[in-house]
Structure formats: structure tokens, C-alpha cells
Protein backbone atom coordinates (compact mmCIF):
# COMPACT_ATOMS: atom_id res chain seq x y z
CA GLY A 1 -2.37 25.17 -12.82
CA ILE A 2 -0.60 22.11 -11.41
CA LEU A 3 1.40 21.45 -14.56
CA GLN A 4 2.27 25.05 -15.39
CA ALA A 5 2.71 26.65 -11.97
CA TRP A 6 3.05 23.88 -9.40
CA GLU A 7 5.16 25.78 -6.88
CA ARG A 8 2.69 28.65 -6.85
CA ASN A 9 -0.41 26.47 -6.69
CA ARG A 10 0.72 23.67 -4.39
CA ARG A 11 -0.40 25.70 -1.38
CA TYR A 12 -3.97 24.80 -2.36
CA THR A 13 -3.20 21.12 -1.89
CA LYS A 14 -1.59 21.18 1.56
CA ILE A 15 -2.94 18.45 3.81
CA GLU A 16 -2.76 18.03 7.56
CA ASP A 17 -3.11 14.56 9.01
CA ALA A 18 -5.92 15.78 11.27
CA HIS A 19 -8.03 16.30 8.14
CA ARG A 20 -7.79 12.71 6.91
CA PRO A 21 -9.37 11.00 5.14
CA ILE A 22 -9.18 13.78 2.55
CA GLY A 23 -8.96 13.96 -1.22
CA ILE A 24 -7.91 16.47 -3.86
CA GLN A 25 -10.29 17.32 -6.72
CA LEU A 26 -8.97 17.92 -10.23
CA PHE A 27 -10.72 19.13 -13.35
CA GLY A 28 -9.62 19.15 -16.94
CA ALA A 29 -10.29 17.68 -20.37
CA ASP A 30 -6.97 16.08 -21.33
CA GLY A 31 -6.46 12.58 -19.96
CA ASN A 32 -2.67 12.70 -20.19
CA HIS A 33 -2.47 16.08 -18.47
CA MET A 34 -4.93 15.02 -15.79
CA GLY A 35 -2.93 11.87 -15.14
CA GLU A 36 0.30 13.82 -14.87
CA ALA A 37 -1.33 16.28 -12.47
CA ALA A 38 -2.71 13.47 -10.34
CA ARG A 39 0.73 11.85 -10.18
CA ILE A 40 2.30 15.14 -9.03
CA ILE A 41 -0.34 15.54 -6.33
CA LEU A 42 0.11 11.99 -5.06
CA ASP A 43 3.89 12.22 -5.03
CA HIS A 44 4.00 15.47 -3.06
CA GLU A 45 0.92 15.61 -0.86
CA LYS A 46 -0.33 12.01 -0.58
CA PRO A 47 -4.09 12.56 -0.36
CA ASP A 48 -6.23 9.53 0.44
CA PHE A 49 -7.93 9.76 -2.95
CA ILE A 50 -8.13 11.79 -6.15
CA ASP A 51 -11.56 13.08 -7.12
CA ILE A 52 -12.26 13.92 -10.79
CA ASN A 53 -14.73 16.75 -11.31
CA PHE A 54 -17.35 15.69 -13.85
CA GLY A 55 -20.20 17.71 -12.37
CA CYS A 56 -19.29 21.35 -11.77
CA PRO A 57 -21.53 23.80 -13.71
CA VAL A 58 -19.44 26.92 -12.97
CA PRO A 59 -18.75 28.74 -16.27
CA LYS A 60 -15.00 29.13 -15.75
CA VAL A 61 -14.73 25.34 -15.34
CA VAL A 62 -17.18 24.38 -18.08
CA GLY A 63 -15.58 26.95 -20.38
CA LYS A 64 -12.33 24.98 -20.20
CA ASN A 65 -14.21 21.80 -21.14
CA GLY A 66 -14.07 20.54 -17.57
CA GLY A 67 -16.69 19.65 -14.99
CA SER A 68 -20.19 18.97 -16.28
CA SER A 69 -19.26 19.82 -19.89
CA LEU A 70 -17.70 16.36 -20.11
CA LEU A 71 -21.14 14.81 -19.62
CA LYS A 72 -21.88 15.94 -23.19
CA ASP A 73 -18.88 14.00 -24.50
CA LEU A 74 -18.78 10.61 -22.84
CA PRO A 75 -15.80 9.29 -24.84
CA LEU A 76 -13.81 12.31 -23.65
CA LEU A 77 -15.05 11.76 -20.09
CA ALA A 78 -13.85 8.17 -20.29
CA SER A 79 -10.51 9.31 -21.70
CA VAL A 80 -9.97 11.72 -18.82
CA ALA A 81 -10.85 9.06 -16.24
CA GLY A 82 -8.62 6.53 -17.98
CA GLY A 83 -5.72 8.95 -18.09
CA VAL A 84 -5.87 9.45 -14.34
CA VAL A 85 -6.24 5.74 -13.57
CA LYS A 86 -3.36 4.85 -15.88
CA ALA A 87 -1.09 7.42 -14.27
CA VAL A 88 -1.81 6.67 -10.63
CA GLY A 89 -2.84 3.03 -10.67
CA ASP A 90 -0.41 0.25 -9.89
CA ARG A 91 0.23 -2.30 -12.60
CA ILE A 92 2.03 -5.42 -11.43
CA THR A 93 4.93 -5.78 -13.87
CA ALA A 94 7.21 -8.10 -11.90
CA MET A 95 6.92 -11.16 -14.15
CA ASP A 96 7.34 -9.23 -17.39
CA ALA A 97 10.30 -7.33 -15.94
CA CYS A 98 11.96 -10.56 -14.74
CA LEU A 99 11.57 -12.26 -18.11
CA ARG A 100 13.04 -9.29 -19.93
CA LEU A 101 15.95 -9.04 -17.51
CA GLU A 102 16.68 -12.74 -17.84
CA ASP A 103 16.65 -12.41 -21.64
CA GLU A 104 19.25 -9.64 -21.33
CA GLY A 105 21.58 -11.90 -19.37
CA ILE A 106 20.98 -10.67 -15.81
CA SER A 107 22.33 -13.34 -13.44
CA MET A 108 20.21 -12.66 -10.33
CA ILE A 109 17.07 -10.65 -9.52
CA THR A 110 15.80 -9.20 -6.26
CA ILE A 111 12.08 -8.45 -6.09
CA HIS A 112 10.74 -5.92 -3.60
CA GLY A 113 7.19 -7.12 -3.05
CA ARG A 114 5.41 -3.78 -2.92
CA THR A 115 3.96 -1.46 -5.51
CA ARG A 116 5.15 2.11 -5.97
CA SER A 117 2.12 3.64 -4.29
CA GLN A 118 2.44 1.34 -1.28
CA GLN A 119 5.91 2.67 -0.57
CA TYR A 120 6.57 1.12 2.89
CA SER A 121 2.95 0.52 3.86
CA GLY A 122 0.74 -2.54 3.69
CA THR A 123 2.15 -6.01 3.21
CA ALA A 124 4.58 -7.39 0.65
CA ASN A 125 3.11 -9.63 -2.05
CA TRP A 126 4.99 -12.89 -1.62
CA ASP A 127 2.66 -14.73 -3.99
CA ILE A 128 4.02 -12.72 -6.89
CA ILE A 129 7.60 -13.06 -5.67
CA ASP A 130 7.13 -16.83 -5.50
CA GLU A 131 5.47 -16.94 -8.94
CA CYS A 132 8.40 -15.11 -10.48
CA ALA A 133 10.95 -17.28 -8.68
CA ARG A 134 9.33 -20.43 -10.07
CA ALA A 135 9.36 -19.06 -13.61
CA MET A 136 12.98 -17.90 -13.67
CA SER A 137 16.09 -19.96 -14.35
CA VAL A 138 18.24 -17.39 -12.51
CA PRO A 139 18.16 -16.99 -8.71
CA VAL A 140 15.41 -14.73 -7.37
CA ILE A 141 15.83 -13.00 -4.01
CA GLY A 142 12.71 -11.90 -2.15
CA ASN A 143 12.30 -8.77 -0.05
CA GLY A 144 9.51 -7.49 2.13
CA ASP A 145 8.33 -7.99 5.72
CA ILE A 146 11.20 -10.33 6.65
CA SER A 147 11.62 -9.21 10.24
CA THR A 148 12.13 -12.46 12.18
CA PRO A 149 14.09 -15.70 11.80
CA GLN A 150 10.75 -17.49 11.64
CA ALA A 151 9.78 -15.40 8.60
CA VAL A 152 13.04 -16.39 6.91
CA ALA A 153 12.30 -20.07 7.58
CA TYR A 154 8.72 -19.77 6.33
CA VAL A 155 9.82 -18.18 3.06
CA LYS A 156 12.56 -20.80 2.62
CA GLU A 157 10.08 -23.63 3.11
CA ASN A 158 7.10 -22.23 1.20
CA THR A 159 8.47 -20.30 -1.77
CA ALA A 160 10.93 -20.89 -4.59
CA VAL A 161 13.20 -17.94 -3.79
CA SER A 162 16.91 -18.57 -3.56
CA GLY A 163 17.34 -16.17 -0.67
CA VAL A 164 15.92 -13.18 1.16
CA MET A 165 16.95 -9.57 1.47
CA ILE A 166 16.42 -8.02 4.91
CA GLY A 167 16.15 -4.25 5.07
CA ARG A 168 14.39 -2.18 7.71
CA ALA A 169 14.25 -5.01 10.25
CA ALA A 170 18.05 -4.98 10.50
CA MET A 171 18.03 -1.33 11.56
CA GLU A 172 16.35 -2.17 14.85
CA ASN A 173 17.72 -5.69 15.18
CA PRO A 174 21.14 -6.05 13.54
CA TRP A 175 21.42 -9.55 15.05
CA ILE A 176 18.65 -10.85 12.81
CA PHE A 177 21.14 -12.33 10.33
CA GLY A 178 22.92 -14.47 12.90
CA ASP A 179 19.64 -15.36 14.57
CA ALA A 180 18.13 -16.44 11.24
CA LYS A 181 21.14 -18.60 10.40
CA TYR A 182 20.96 -20.27 13.82
CA TYR A 183 17.19 -20.81 13.47
CA LEU A 184 17.58 -22.46 10.06
CA LEU A 185 20.22 -24.81 11.44
CA HIS A 186 18.61 -25.69 14.77
CA GLY A 187 14.90 -24.91 14.44
CA ALA A 188 15.01 -22.73 17.53
CA MET A 189 16.12 -19.27 18.53
CA PRO A 190 19.68 -18.85 19.80
CA PRO A 191 20.34 -18.15 23.48
CA ALA A 192 19.55 -14.63 24.57
CA ARG A 193 22.38 -12.21 24.02
CA ASP A 194 24.14 -10.53 26.89
CA PRO A 195 22.76 -6.99 27.29
CA GLN A 196 26.35 -5.74 27.35
CA GLU A 197 26.87 -7.08 23.81
CA LYS A 198 23.90 -5.03 22.64
CA THR A 199 25.08 -1.94 24.50
CA ASP A 200 28.55 -2.23 22.99
CA LEU A 201 27.15 -2.42 19.49
CA ILE A 202 24.79 0.51 20.05
CA LEU A 203 27.66 2.64 21.35
CA ARG A 204 29.84 1.57 18.43
């Protein structure tokens, strides 16, 4: 139903935040199809988890080789579970991607230290960024959770990156670039800015 008539059936998957934590249950007997369906659900509705139905005895479910019928075919049950995990799980591919890009002649790489499913949540994985930076002969730029001049200095001193990319932090503090440069040079924050300077920039 998800793969063949998503727009018609997506109403069954609507989630309100007041209901969380909440999951969506899927049933089926094809690991690839189940994985694709799980990916669609996660992309559009963002449940807290996906539940795979391996227990339902209802004839219309069992008749389609879903639910408890899979308990009679454990290799198929494992295939269905594996298909979902493969489709929705995060596999850290940063190092492999960097090596391939370097082989193709790319001259610089920026790594965003989050997985696809994290989107903008959680914390960036600077251990992996650092690991990649140490393995590459080209410059590696790191991105993720750099919101203060002190964070810039910490990354500069404790990782092998050649630089940092600042994203969301600059939207609420566009002075972060100048502040970071000053902090790296002097080891202290610059003098407080005149409120009028901030007002002028906001109005601009």
C-alpha cells in the first residue's frame, strides 16, 4: 500500500507530536520492498521507530506471507528484517567516500559530521572528521556544531582539519567569523560590539 498508493495511504501514518514516542508498523514478505516502504515512512512522517510485524495471525496478513507466517520461514524473516535495517540504518561511509574522491582528483573535501537520519539533531561526529583528515593528503574541512570562537580554537588544536565550515551559527551570530579570527590571534574574545552596530546590520 505504501509503495503502490502512498498518497492515498499516507493518512494512516500521520503523527502528532503529542503522541510521541510513537512508531509505525509495517508488514510484508519482501525485504527490499519493506526497506523502501520504511524509508518512505521515515522521510515523510519521522516516527520514533519502525515496527516489523512478525506476529499477526489475521488471515489477510498471513495470506500475503506477512505477520506470523514468517515464523515458518526464518530465512525469509531474517531477509525482511535485514532489508529494513539496510534501508533505514546509517552506515558511516566518510572514509571510503574521501578516499574515492581523492583518487578522482578532488582537491578539497568538506565533511558534515552527521548521518542522514540525524539531519540537524544530535551532535556532529568529530572523531570521524578527524580520522578522515589524518588519512587524506588533500585539505579536509570540518562542519558541525561550530557555534563559538572557542569551538573553532578547540578543533584547530585537537584535530587535523585544515579549516572549519560554519553554518547555522552564523544565522544568529554573523559576527562569529570575525570573533573567531580575533580569538585565534589573541586567545580572548574581542571587545563587545556597540549595540548600534548590531542594529544596523539587522536592519540591513
